Amino acid sequence: MSARVVVLAASVFGCMACSRGEPPSVLEENARRDAFGNRMLDVEDAGRSRLVSSNPEVVFEQGFSQVLHDPPSSFRNHAFRWVGRSAHVRLKSHGDKPMRVLARGWFDEKALRTRAFMTFFLDGRVLGETLPVDEKGHYWGEFVVPRELLRDREWVDLTMVPSTIAFHWAEPPQLSVCVLYKFAWEEAL
């Protein structure tokens, strides 16, 4: 019983330390690990996984499946994530600089039996919505986030909400009608 208390206390105090900011040595180590992971993906010709993977500035959270591949037999294949009825991404701001968010994906319009679109919310405010860009159900959303929404904030929350998901009682990956296959978060030029 006391071992559980010690582990619980350590995790609580560890989380409190994280909220105060990481020391430079931890940040440098995280950057080295991220660079190593990216190099290994490139060496193994699996760089497409980076298009939908979490990194130090983009953290995919609830509402997304794990990174999958099509066809699933190899991690070198096309990478994607299934998107649920409300998918959440944490984005690290760059202080006072405007940022650009880009999301590309696909709706299974045959299963949905309608032309779907995706609405993007940044901290609860509507950022914009996509329209299908072709007859095959692909969508593209690209938005500039003004510096006023990022100022004095280390992280912001992006929520992606599909207009329809048909089988609303399922969760990703069982809810297989909407896909995200490219996501970018970068400074706007």
N, C-alpha and C. Protein backbone atom coordinates (compact mmCIF):
# COMPACT_ATOMS: atom_id res chain seq x y z
N MET A 1 0.82 -1.19 0.00
CA MET A 1 0.00 0.00 0.00
C MET A 1 0.87 1.26 0.00
N SER A 2 1.94 1.28 0.82
CA SER A 2 2.79 2.47 0.89
C SER A 2 3.54 2.71 -0.41
N ALA A 3 3.87 1.63 -1.15
CA ALA A 3 4.54 1.80 -2.44
C ALA A 3 3.64 2.55 -3.41
N ARG A 4 2.34 2.27 -3.38
CA ARG A 4 1.40 2.98 -4.25
C ARG A 4 1.36 4.47 -3.91
N VAL A 5 1.38 4.78 -2.64
CA VAL A 5 1.35 6.18 -2.20
C VAL A 5 2.61 6.90 -2.68
N VAL A 6 3.76 6.24 -2.56
CA VAL A 6 5.02 6.85 -3.00
C VAL A 6 4.98 7.11 -4.50
N VAL A 7 4.50 6.12 -5.28
CA VAL A 7 4.42 6.29 -6.74
C VAL A 7 3.45 7.40 -7.09
N LEU A 8 2.31 7.45 -6.42
CA LEU A 8 1.33 8.49 -6.67
C LEU A 8 1.90 9.86 -6.33
N ALA A 9 2.55 9.99 -5.19
CA ALA A 9 3.14 11.27 -4.79
C ALA A 9 4.23 11.69 -5.76
N ALA A 10 5.05 10.75 -6.20
CA ALA A 10 6.11 11.08 -7.16
C ALA A 10 5.53 11.57 -8.47
N SER A 11 4.44 10.94 -8.92
CA SER A 11 3.84 11.37 -10.18
C SER A 11 3.20 12.74 -10.04
N VAL A 12 2.56 13.02 -8.91
CA VAL A 12 1.95 14.33 -8.70
C VAL A 12 3.01 15.42 -8.65
N PHE A 13 4.08 15.19 -7.87
CA PHE A 13 5.14 16.19 -7.78
C PHE A 13 5.88 16.32 -9.11
N GLY A 14 6.01 15.22 -9.83
CA GLY A 14 6.64 15.28 -11.15
C GLY A 14 5.84 16.14 -12.10
N CYS A 15 4.51 15.99 -12.08
CA CYS A 15 3.65 16.81 -12.93
C CYS A 15 3.72 18.27 -12.54
N MET A 16 3.81 18.54 -11.24
CA MET A 16 3.92 19.93 -10.79
C MET A 16 5.23 20.54 -11.28
N ALA A 17 6.30 19.76 -11.28
CA ALA A 17 7.58 20.27 -11.76
C ALA A 17 7.51 20.55 -13.25
N CYS A 18 6.79 19.71 -14.01
CA CYS A 18 6.66 19.92 -15.44
C CYS A 18 5.93 21.21 -15.74
N SER A 19 4.93 21.56 -14.92
CA SER A 19 4.14 22.75 -15.18
C SER A 19 4.95 24.02 -14.98
N ARG A 20 6.05 23.96 -14.23
CA ARG A 20 6.87 25.16 -14.01
C ARG A 20 7.88 25.35 -15.13
N GLY A 21 7.95 24.44 -16.08
CA GLY A 21 8.91 24.54 -17.17
C GLY A 21 10.06 23.59 -16.97
N GLU A 22 10.57 23.13 -18.06
CA GLU A 22 11.67 22.17 -18.03
C GLU A 22 13.01 22.89 -17.99
N PRO A 23 13.99 22.34 -17.30
CA PRO A 23 15.34 22.92 -17.34
C PRO A 23 15.91 22.79 -18.75
N PRO A 24 16.84 23.65 -19.11
CA PRO A 24 17.42 23.60 -20.46
C PRO A 24 17.98 22.24 -20.85
N SER A 25 18.56 21.51 -19.90
CA SER A 25 19.14 20.20 -20.24
C SER A 25 18.06 19.22 -20.69
N VAL A 26 16.87 19.29 -20.09
CA VAL A 26 15.78 18.42 -20.49
C VAL A 26 15.28 18.81 -21.87
N LEU A 27 15.15 20.11 -22.13
CA LEU A 27 14.72 20.57 -23.44
C LEU A 27 15.70 20.15 -24.52
N GLU A 28 17.00 20.26 -24.23
CA GLU A 28 18.02 19.84 -25.20
C GLU A 28 17.94 18.34 -25.46
N GLU A 29 17.74 17.56 -24.42
CA GLU A 29 17.61 16.11 -24.59
C GLU A 29 16.37 15.75 -25.40
N ASN A 30 15.26 16.43 -25.15
CA ASN A 30 14.05 16.19 -25.93
C ASN A 30 14.28 16.52 -27.41
N ALA A 31 14.99 17.62 -27.68
CA ALA A 31 15.28 17.99 -29.07
C ALA A 31 16.18 16.95 -29.73
N ARG A 32 17.17 16.44 -29.00
CA ARG A 32 18.06 15.40 -29.55
C ARG A 32 17.28 14.13 -29.86
N ARG A 33 16.39 13.74 -28.96
CA ARG A 33 15.59 12.54 -29.19
C ARG A 33 14.66 12.70 -30.38
N ASP A 34 14.04 13.87 -30.51
CA ASP A 34 13.16 14.12 -31.65
C ASP A 34 13.94 14.09 -32.96
N ALA A 35 15.12 14.71 -32.98
CA ALA A 35 15.96 14.70 -34.18
C ALA A 35 16.39 13.27 -34.53
N PHE A 36 16.76 12.48 -33.52
CA PHE A 36 17.15 11.09 -33.76
C PHE A 36 15.99 10.29 -34.36
N GLY A 37 14.79 10.45 -33.80
CA GLY A 37 13.62 9.76 -34.33
C GLY A 37 13.33 10.14 -35.77
N ASN A 38 13.44 11.43 -36.08
CA ASN A 38 13.23 11.87 -37.46
C ASN A 38 14.28 11.30 -38.41
N ARG A 39 15.54 11.26 -37.97
CA ARG A 39 16.60 10.68 -38.81
C ARG A 39 16.32 9.20 -39.08
N MET A 40 15.90 8.48 -38.06
CA MET A 40 15.62 7.04 -38.23
C MET A 40 14.44 6.82 -39.18
N LEU A 41 13.42 7.67 -39.10
CA LEU A 41 12.30 7.55 -40.04
C LEU A 41 12.78 7.78 -41.47
N ASP A 42 13.66 8.77 -41.65
CA ASP A 42 14.19 9.04 -42.98
C ASP A 42 15.07 7.89 -43.47
N VAL A 43 15.93 7.36 -42.61
CA VAL A 43 16.81 6.25 -42.99
C VAL A 43 15.98 5.04 -43.42
N GLU A 44 14.89 4.78 -42.73
CA GLU A 44 14.05 3.63 -43.02
C GLU A 44 12.98 3.93 -44.08
N ASP A 45 13.05 5.10 -44.72
CA ASP A 45 12.09 5.50 -45.74
C ASP A 45 10.66 5.48 -45.19
N ALA A 46 10.49 5.95 -43.96
CA ALA A 46 9.18 5.98 -43.32
C ALA A 46 8.82 7.40 -42.89
N GLY A 47 9.37 8.39 -43.58
CA GLY A 47 9.16 9.79 -43.22
C GLY A 47 7.72 10.25 -43.29
N ARG A 48 6.88 9.53 -44.01
CA ARG A 48 5.46 9.93 -44.10
C ARG A 48 4.77 9.82 -42.75
N SER A 49 5.29 9.01 -41.85
CA SER A 49 4.71 8.90 -40.51
C SER A 49 4.81 10.22 -39.76
N ARG A 50 5.84 11.01 -40.08
CA ARG A 50 6.02 12.30 -39.42
C ARG A 50 4.88 13.26 -39.71
N LEU A 51 4.18 13.07 -40.84
CA LEU A 51 3.10 13.98 -41.22
C LEU A 51 1.91 13.91 -40.27
N VAL A 52 1.81 12.83 -39.49
CA VAL A 52 0.69 12.67 -38.56
C VAL A 52 1.15 12.22 -37.17
N SER A 53 2.41 12.43 -36.86
CA SER A 53 2.95 12.03 -35.56
C SER A 53 3.07 13.23 -34.63
N SER A 54 2.94 12.95 -33.35
CA SER A 54 3.19 13.99 -32.35
C SER A 54 4.67 14.35 -32.35
N ASN A 55 4.97 15.58 -31.97
CA ASN A 55 6.35 16.05 -31.86
C ASN A 55 6.39 17.09 -30.75
N PRO A 56 7.52 17.72 -30.49
CA PRO A 56 7.57 18.68 -29.37
C PRO A 56 6.61 19.87 -29.49
N GLU A 57 6.08 20.14 -30.69
CA GLU A 57 5.17 21.28 -30.86
C GLU A 57 3.74 20.89 -31.20
N VAL A 58 3.50 19.63 -31.53
CA VAL A 58 2.18 19.13 -31.90
C VAL A 58 1.94 17.83 -31.15
N VAL A 59 0.86 17.79 -30.35
CA VAL A 59 0.55 16.59 -29.58
C VAL A 59 -0.88 16.16 -29.92
N PHE A 60 -1.00 15.02 -30.61
CA PHE A 60 -2.31 14.48 -30.93
C PHE A 60 -2.87 13.80 -29.69
N GLU A 61 -4.09 14.16 -29.33
CA GLU A 61 -4.68 13.62 -28.11
C GLU A 61 -5.97 12.87 -28.44
N GLN A 62 -6.97 12.97 -27.56
CA GLN A 62 -8.18 12.18 -27.73
C GLN A 62 -8.88 12.52 -29.04
N GLY A 63 -9.58 11.51 -29.56
CA GLY A 63 -10.32 11.69 -30.80
C GLY A 63 -9.58 11.23 -32.03
N PHE A 64 -8.32 10.87 -31.87
CA PHE A 64 -7.52 10.35 -32.99
C PHE A 64 -7.14 8.90 -32.70
N SER A 65 -7.04 8.11 -33.75
CA SER A 65 -6.50 6.76 -33.59
C SER A 65 -4.98 6.87 -33.49
N GLN A 66 -4.33 5.76 -33.25
CA GLN A 66 -2.87 5.73 -33.35
C GLN A 66 -2.48 5.90 -34.81
N VAL A 67 -1.22 6.11 -35.10
CA VAL A 67 -0.76 6.22 -36.48
C VAL A 67 -0.86 4.84 -37.12
N LEU A 68 -1.57 4.77 -38.24
CA LEU A 68 -1.75 3.53 -38.99
C LEU A 68 -1.17 3.70 -40.38
N HIS A 69 -1.07 2.61 -41.12
CA HIS A 69 -0.50 2.66 -42.47
C HIS A 69 -1.40 1.93 -43.44
N ASP A 70 -1.40 2.40 -44.70
CA ASP A 70 -2.23 1.80 -45.74
C ASP A 70 -1.36 1.44 -46.94
N PRO A 71 -1.24 0.18 -47.25
CA PRO A 71 -1.75 -0.98 -46.54
C PRO A 71 -0.98 -1.20 -45.23
N PRO A 72 -1.60 -1.92 -44.28
CA PRO A 72 -1.04 -2.02 -42.93
C PRO A 72 0.18 -2.92 -42.77
N SER A 73 0.62 -3.56 -43.82
CA SER A 73 1.71 -4.54 -43.69
C SER A 73 3.08 -3.92 -43.45
N SER A 74 3.25 -2.60 -43.66
CA SER A 74 4.57 -1.99 -43.49
C SER A 74 4.46 -0.55 -43.01
N PHE A 75 5.35 -0.16 -42.10
CA PHE A 75 5.37 1.22 -41.61
C PHE A 75 5.92 2.19 -42.66
N ARG A 76 6.39 1.70 -43.79
CA ARG A 76 6.88 2.57 -44.87
C ARG A 76 5.73 3.06 -45.76
N ASN A 77 4.55 2.49 -45.58
CA ASN A 77 3.40 2.85 -46.41
C ASN A 77 2.79 4.18 -45.98
N HIS A 78 1.78 4.60 -46.70
CA HIS A 78 1.05 5.84 -46.44
C HIS A 78 0.55 5.86 -44.99
N ALA A 79 0.91 6.89 -44.22
CA ALA A 79 0.54 7.00 -42.80
C ALA A 79 -0.71 7.88 -42.64
N PHE A 80 -1.55 7.53 -41.66
CA PHE A 80 -2.75 8.31 -41.40
C PHE A 80 -3.25 8.04 -39.98
N ARG A 81 -4.21 8.85 -39.57
CA ARG A 81 -4.94 8.65 -38.31
C ARG A 81 -6.43 8.75 -38.61
N TRP A 82 -7.22 7.86 -38.02
CA TRP A 82 -8.67 8.02 -38.07
C TRP A 82 -9.03 9.17 -37.15
N VAL A 83 -10.05 9.94 -37.55
CA VAL A 83 -10.52 11.08 -36.77
C VAL A 83 -11.91 10.77 -36.23
N GLY A 84 -12.12 11.02 -34.95
CA GLY A 84 -13.41 10.79 -34.32
C GLY A 84 -14.33 12.00 -34.43
N ARG A 85 -15.38 12.00 -33.64
CA ARG A 85 -16.39 13.05 -33.74
C ARG A 85 -15.89 14.40 -33.22
N SER A 86 -14.83 14.41 -32.43
CA SER A 86 -14.21 15.64 -31.96
C SER A 86 -12.77 15.29 -31.60
N ALA A 87 -11.84 15.73 -32.42
CA ALA A 87 -10.43 15.35 -32.25
C ALA A 87 -9.64 16.55 -31.75
N HIS A 88 -8.76 16.32 -30.76
CA HIS A 88 -8.06 17.38 -30.06
C HIS A 88 -6.55 17.30 -30.32
N VAL A 89 -5.96 18.46 -30.66
CA VAL A 89 -4.51 18.58 -30.87
C VAL A 89 -4.01 19.73 -30.02
N ARG A 90 -2.91 19.49 -29.25
CA ARG A 90 -2.26 20.57 -28.49
C ARG A 90 -1.15 21.14 -29.38
N LEU A 91 -1.09 22.47 -29.47
CA LEU A 91 -0.13 23.15 -30.33
C LEU A 91 0.68 24.14 -29.51
N LYS A 92 1.99 24.09 -29.67
CA LYS A 92 2.88 25.00 -28.93
C LYS A 92 3.01 26.30 -29.72
N SER A 93 2.75 27.41 -29.04
CA SER A 93 2.86 28.70 -29.73
C SER A 93 4.32 29.13 -29.81
N HIS A 94 4.58 30.05 -30.68
CA HIS A 94 5.92 30.63 -30.81
C HIS A 94 5.89 32.07 -30.30
N GLY A 95 5.22 32.24 -29.19
CA GLY A 95 5.17 33.57 -28.58
C GLY A 95 4.28 34.51 -29.35
N ASP A 96 4.86 35.58 -29.83
CA ASP A 96 4.12 36.65 -30.47
C ASP A 96 4.06 36.51 -31.98
N LYS A 97 4.35 35.34 -32.52
CA LYS A 97 4.39 35.14 -33.97
C LYS A 97 3.12 34.47 -34.46
N PRO A 98 2.55 34.95 -35.59
CA PRO A 98 1.40 34.25 -36.15
C PRO A 98 1.82 32.87 -36.66
N MET A 99 0.90 31.92 -36.57
CA MET A 99 1.20 30.55 -36.96
C MET A 99 0.23 30.10 -38.05
N ARG A 100 0.62 29.06 -38.76
CA ARG A 100 -0.21 28.48 -39.81
C ARG A 100 -0.49 27.03 -39.46
N VAL A 101 -1.74 26.64 -39.57
CA VAL A 101 -2.12 25.24 -39.38
C VAL A 101 -2.62 24.71 -40.73
N LEU A 102 -2.16 23.52 -41.07
CA LEU A 102 -2.57 22.87 -42.31
C LEU A 102 -3.02 21.46 -41.97
N ALA A 103 -4.18 21.08 -42.47
CA ALA A 103 -4.70 19.72 -42.26
C ALA A 103 -5.26 19.21 -43.58
N ARG A 104 -4.82 18.02 -43.95
CA ARG A 104 -5.35 17.36 -45.14
C ARG A 104 -5.87 16.00 -44.74
N GLY A 105 -6.96 15.60 -45.36
CA GLY A 105 -7.52 14.32 -45.03
C GLY A 105 -8.53 13.85 -46.04
N TRP A 106 -9.32 12.88 -45.63
CA TRP A 106 -10.28 12.25 -46.53
C TRP A 106 -11.51 11.80 -45.76
N PHE A 107 -12.68 12.02 -46.34
CA PHE A 107 -13.95 11.51 -45.82
C PHE A 107 -14.41 10.37 -46.71
N ASP A 108 -14.90 9.31 -46.10
CA ASP A 108 -15.49 8.21 -46.86
C ASP A 108 -16.93 8.60 -47.18
N GLU A 109 -17.11 9.35 -48.26
CA GLU A 109 -18.42 9.88 -48.59
C GLU A 109 -19.40 8.80 -49.02
N LYS A 110 -18.88 7.67 -49.46
CA LYS A 110 -19.76 6.56 -49.82
C LYS A 110 -20.46 6.04 -48.55
N ALA A 111 -19.70 5.91 -47.46
CA ALA A 111 -20.30 5.46 -46.20
C ALA A 111 -21.16 6.56 -45.58
N LEU A 112 -20.71 7.82 -45.70
CA LEU A 112 -21.45 8.93 -45.10
C LEU A 112 -22.70 9.30 -45.89
N ARG A 113 -22.66 9.08 -47.20
CA ARG A 113 -23.76 9.43 -48.12
C ARG A 113 -24.05 10.92 -48.13
N THR A 114 -22.99 11.72 -47.98
CA THR A 114 -23.11 13.17 -48.04
C THR A 114 -21.74 13.79 -48.28
N ARG A 115 -21.72 15.06 -48.66
CA ARG A 115 -20.46 15.80 -48.79
C ARG A 115 -20.16 16.38 -47.41
N ALA A 116 -19.10 15.92 -46.81
CA ALA A 116 -18.77 16.34 -45.45
C ALA A 116 -17.74 17.48 -45.47
N PHE A 117 -17.60 18.15 -44.33
CA PHE A 117 -16.57 19.16 -44.15
C PHE A 117 -16.08 19.10 -42.72
N MET A 118 -14.96 19.75 -42.46
CA MET A 118 -14.34 19.75 -41.14
C MET A 118 -14.32 21.19 -40.62
N THR A 119 -14.72 21.39 -39.37
CA THR A 119 -14.64 22.70 -38.73
C THR A 119 -13.51 22.66 -37.71
N PHE A 120 -12.70 23.72 -37.68
CA PHE A 120 -11.55 23.84 -36.79
C PHE A 120 -11.83 24.91 -35.75
N PHE A 121 -11.61 24.56 -34.49
CA PHE A 121 -11.79 25.49 -33.37
C PHE A 121 -10.46 25.64 -32.66
N LEU A 122 -10.05 26.87 -32.39
CA LEU A 122 -8.84 27.14 -31.62
C LEU A 122 -9.27 27.73 -30.29
N ASP A 123 -9.05 26.99 -29.22
CA ASP A 123 -9.48 27.41 -27.88
C ASP A 123 -10.95 27.82 -27.87
N GLY A 124 -11.78 27.06 -28.56
CA GLY A 124 -13.21 27.30 -28.57
C GLY A 124 -13.70 28.29 -29.61
N ARG A 125 -12.81 29.02 -30.28
CA ARG A 125 -13.20 29.97 -31.32
C ARG A 125 -13.11 29.30 -32.69
N VAL A 126 -14.07 29.58 -33.55
CA VAL A 126 -14.04 29.00 -34.89
C VAL A 126 -12.86 29.59 -35.65
N LEU A 127 -11.99 28.70 -36.12
CA LEU A 127 -10.85 29.12 -36.92
C LEU A 127 -11.21 29.09 -38.39
N GLY A 128 -12.00 28.12 -38.79
CA GLY A 128 -12.44 28.00 -40.17
C GLY A 128 -12.96 26.61 -40.44
N GLU A 129 -13.38 26.39 -41.68
CA GLU A 129 -13.84 25.06 -42.06
C GLU A 129 -13.37 24.74 -43.46
N THR A 130 -13.35 23.46 -43.74
CA THR A 130 -12.91 22.99 -45.05
C THR A 130 -14.12 22.64 -45.90
N LEU A 131 -13.89 22.60 -47.16
CA LEU A 131 -14.84 22.03 -48.10
C LEU A 131 -14.11 20.94 -48.86
N PRO A 132 -14.82 19.94 -49.35
CA PRO A 132 -14.13 18.91 -50.14
C PRO A 132 -13.42 19.54 -51.33
N VAL A 133 -12.20 19.10 -51.60
CA VAL A 133 -11.44 19.67 -52.71
C VAL A 133 -11.55 18.83 -53.97
N ASP A 134 -12.12 17.64 -53.88
CA ASP A 134 -12.30 16.83 -55.07
C ASP A 134 -13.48 15.89 -54.90
N GLU A 135 -13.81 15.16 -55.95
CA GLU A 135 -14.95 14.26 -55.92
C GLU A 135 -14.69 12.98 -55.14
N LYS A 136 -13.45 12.77 -54.68
CA LYS A 136 -13.11 11.56 -53.94
C LYS A 136 -13.21 11.74 -52.43
N GLY A 137 -13.59 12.92 -51.96
CA GLY A 137 -13.79 13.14 -50.54
C GLY A 137 -12.60 13.73 -49.80
N HIS A 138 -11.54 14.10 -50.49
CA HIS A 138 -10.39 14.71 -49.82
C HIS A 138 -10.73 16.12 -49.36
N TYR A 139 -10.20 16.51 -48.21
CA TYR A 139 -10.39 17.87 -47.71
C TYR A 139 -9.04 18.50 -47.42
N TRP A 140 -9.03 19.83 -47.38
CA TRP A 140 -7.82 20.59 -47.13
C TRP A 140 -8.21 21.82 -46.31
N GLY A 141 -7.60 21.99 -45.16
CA GLY A 141 -7.82 23.17 -44.35
C GLY A 141 -6.50 23.85 -44.08
N GLU A 142 -6.42 25.12 -44.37
CA GLU A 142 -5.20 25.90 -44.12
C GLU A 142 -5.61 27.25 -43.56
N PHE A 143 -5.14 27.55 -42.34
CA PHE A 143 -5.56 28.76 -41.66
C PHE A 143 -4.37 29.43 -40.99
N VAL A 144 -4.40 30.76 -40.98
CA VAL A 144 -3.39 31.52 -40.25
C VAL A 144 -3.99 31.90 -38.90
N VAL A 145 -3.26 31.60 -37.85
CA VAL A 145 -3.69 31.93 -36.50
C VAL A 145 -3.02 33.25 -36.13
N PRO A 146 -3.81 34.32 -35.93
CA PRO A 146 -3.21 35.62 -35.62
C PRO A 146 -2.48 35.61 -34.28
N ARG A 147 -1.48 36.44 -34.19
CA ARG A 147 -0.65 36.51 -32.98
C ARG A 147 -1.46 36.86 -31.74
N GLU A 148 -2.59 37.56 -31.90
CA GLU A 148 -3.41 37.94 -30.74
C GLU A 148 -3.95 36.71 -30.02
N LEU A 149 -4.19 35.62 -30.76
CA LEU A 149 -4.71 34.40 -30.14
C LEU A 149 -3.62 33.57 -29.48
N LEU A 150 -2.36 33.91 -29.74
CA LEU A 150 -1.24 33.12 -29.23
C LEU A 150 -0.43 33.85 -28.17
N ARG A 151 -0.56 35.16 -28.12
CA ARG A 151 0.25 35.97 -27.21
C ARG A 151 0.07 35.52 -25.76
N ASP A 152 1.17 35.43 -25.05
CA ASP A 152 1.18 35.05 -23.63
C ASP A 152 0.62 33.65 -23.37
N ARG A 153 0.69 32.78 -24.36
CA ARG A 153 0.20 31.41 -24.21
C ARG A 153 1.29 30.46 -24.67
N GLU A 154 1.62 29.49 -23.87
CA GLU A 154 2.62 28.51 -24.30
C GLU A 154 2.00 27.46 -25.20
N TRP A 155 0.79 27.03 -24.90
CA TRP A 155 0.08 26.00 -25.67
C TRP A 155 -1.33 26.46 -25.96
N VAL A 156 -1.85 26.05 -27.12
CA VAL A 156 -3.25 26.29 -27.48
C VAL A 156 -3.88 24.96 -27.86
N ASP A 157 -5.20 24.91 -27.87
CA ASP A 157 -5.93 23.69 -28.17
C ASP A 157 -6.68 23.84 -29.49
N LEU A 158 -6.42 22.93 -30.41
CA LEU A 158 -7.14 22.88 -31.68
C LEU A 158 -8.07 21.68 -31.63
N THR A 159 -9.33 21.91 -31.99
CA THR A 159 -10.31 20.83 -32.05
C THR A 159 -10.81 20.74 -33.47
N MET A 160 -10.79 19.53 -34.01
CA MET A 160 -11.29 19.27 -35.36
C MET A 160 -12.61 18.52 -35.23
N VAL A 161 -13.67 19.07 -35.83
CA VAL A 161 -15.00 18.48 -35.71
C VAL A 161 -15.57 18.23 -37.10
N PRO A 162 -15.73 16.96 -37.48
CA PRO A 162 -16.35 16.66 -38.77
C PRO A 162 -17.84 17.03 -38.76
N SER A 163 -18.37 17.41 -39.92
CA SER A 163 -19.78 17.78 -40.00
C SER A 163 -20.70 16.59 -39.79
N THR A 164 -20.22 15.40 -40.13
CA THR A 164 -20.99 14.19 -39.92
C THR A 164 -20.04 13.01 -39.77
N ILE A 165 -20.47 12.03 -39.00
CA ILE A 165 -19.64 10.83 -38.86
C ILE A 165 -20.46 9.56 -39.01
N ALA A 166 -21.74 9.70 -39.29
CA ALA A 166 -22.64 8.58 -39.56
C ALA A 166 -22.82 7.69 -38.33
N PHE A 167 -21.87 6.83 -38.03
CA PHE A 167 -22.02 5.88 -36.93
C PHE A 167 -21.48 6.50 -35.65
N HIS A 168 -22.26 7.37 -35.04
CA HIS A 168 -21.78 8.21 -33.94
C HIS A 168 -21.52 7.47 -32.65
N TRP A 169 -21.85 6.19 -32.55
CA TRP A 169 -21.62 5.47 -31.30
C TRP A 169 -20.23 4.82 -31.26
N ALA A 170 -19.50 4.86 -32.34
CA ALA A 170 -18.18 4.23 -32.39
C ALA A 170 -17.08 5.24 -32.07
N GLU A 171 -15.91 4.73 -31.80
CA GLU A 171 -14.73 5.56 -31.56
C GLU A 171 -13.63 5.13 -32.51
N PRO A 172 -12.64 6.01 -32.79
CA PRO A 172 -11.54 5.59 -33.66
C PRO A 172 -10.83 4.39 -33.04
N PRO A 173 -10.35 3.41 -33.77
CA PRO A 173 -10.39 3.30 -35.23
C PRO A 173 -11.65 2.65 -35.76
N GLN A 174 -12.61 2.22 -34.90
CA GLN A 174 -13.83 1.62 -35.40
C GLN A 174 -14.65 2.64 -36.20
N LEU A 175 -14.57 3.91 -35.84
CA LEU A 175 -15.25 4.96 -36.56
C LEU A 175 -14.39 5.32 -37.77
N SER A 176 -14.54 4.59 -38.84
CA SER A 176 -13.61 4.71 -39.96
C SER A 176 -14.24 5.41 -41.16
N VAL A 177 -14.62 6.68 -40.97
CA VAL A 177 -15.18 7.45 -42.06
C VAL A 177 -14.41 8.74 -42.34
N CYS A 178 -13.45 9.09 -41.47
CA CYS A 178 -12.70 10.34 -41.65
C CYS A 178 -11.23 10.09 -41.29
N VAL A 179 -10.35 10.55 -42.16
CA VAL A 179 -8.91 10.32 -42.02
C VAL A 179 -8.17 11.65 -42.03
N LEU A 180 -7.08 11.72 -41.28
CA LEU A 180 -6.12 12.82 -41.35
C LEU A 180 -4.82 12.22 -41.86
N TYR A 181 -4.30 12.71 -42.99
CA TYR A 181 -3.04 12.16 -43.51
C TYR A 181 -1.92 13.18 -43.62
N LYS A 182 -2.20 14.44 -43.31
CA LYS A 182 -1.11 15.43 -43.22
C LYS A 182 -1.53 16.52 -42.26
N PHE A 183 -0.61 16.88 -41.35
CA PHE A 183 -0.85 17.96 -40.41
C PHE A 183 0.43 18.74 -40.24
N ALA A 184 0.33 20.06 -40.32
CA ALA A 184 1.52 20.92 -40.15
C ALA A 184 1.15 22.10 -39.26
N TRP A 185 2.11 22.49 -38.42
CA TRP A 185 1.98 23.66 -37.53
C TRP A 185 3.31 24.40 -37.63
N GLU A 186 3.29 25.59 -38.21
CA GLU A 186 4.53 26.33 -38.45
C GLU A 186 4.27 27.83 -38.44
N GLU A 187 5.35 28.57 -38.34
CA GLU A 187 5.21 30.04 -38.35
C GLU A 187 4.70 30.50 -39.71
N ALA A 188 3.75 31.45 -39.69
CA ALA A 188 3.20 32.00 -40.92
C ALA A 188 4.22 33.00 -41.49
N LEU A 189 4.34 32.99 -42.76
CA LEU A 189 5.30 33.92 -43.40
C LEU A 189 4.69 35.27 -43.64
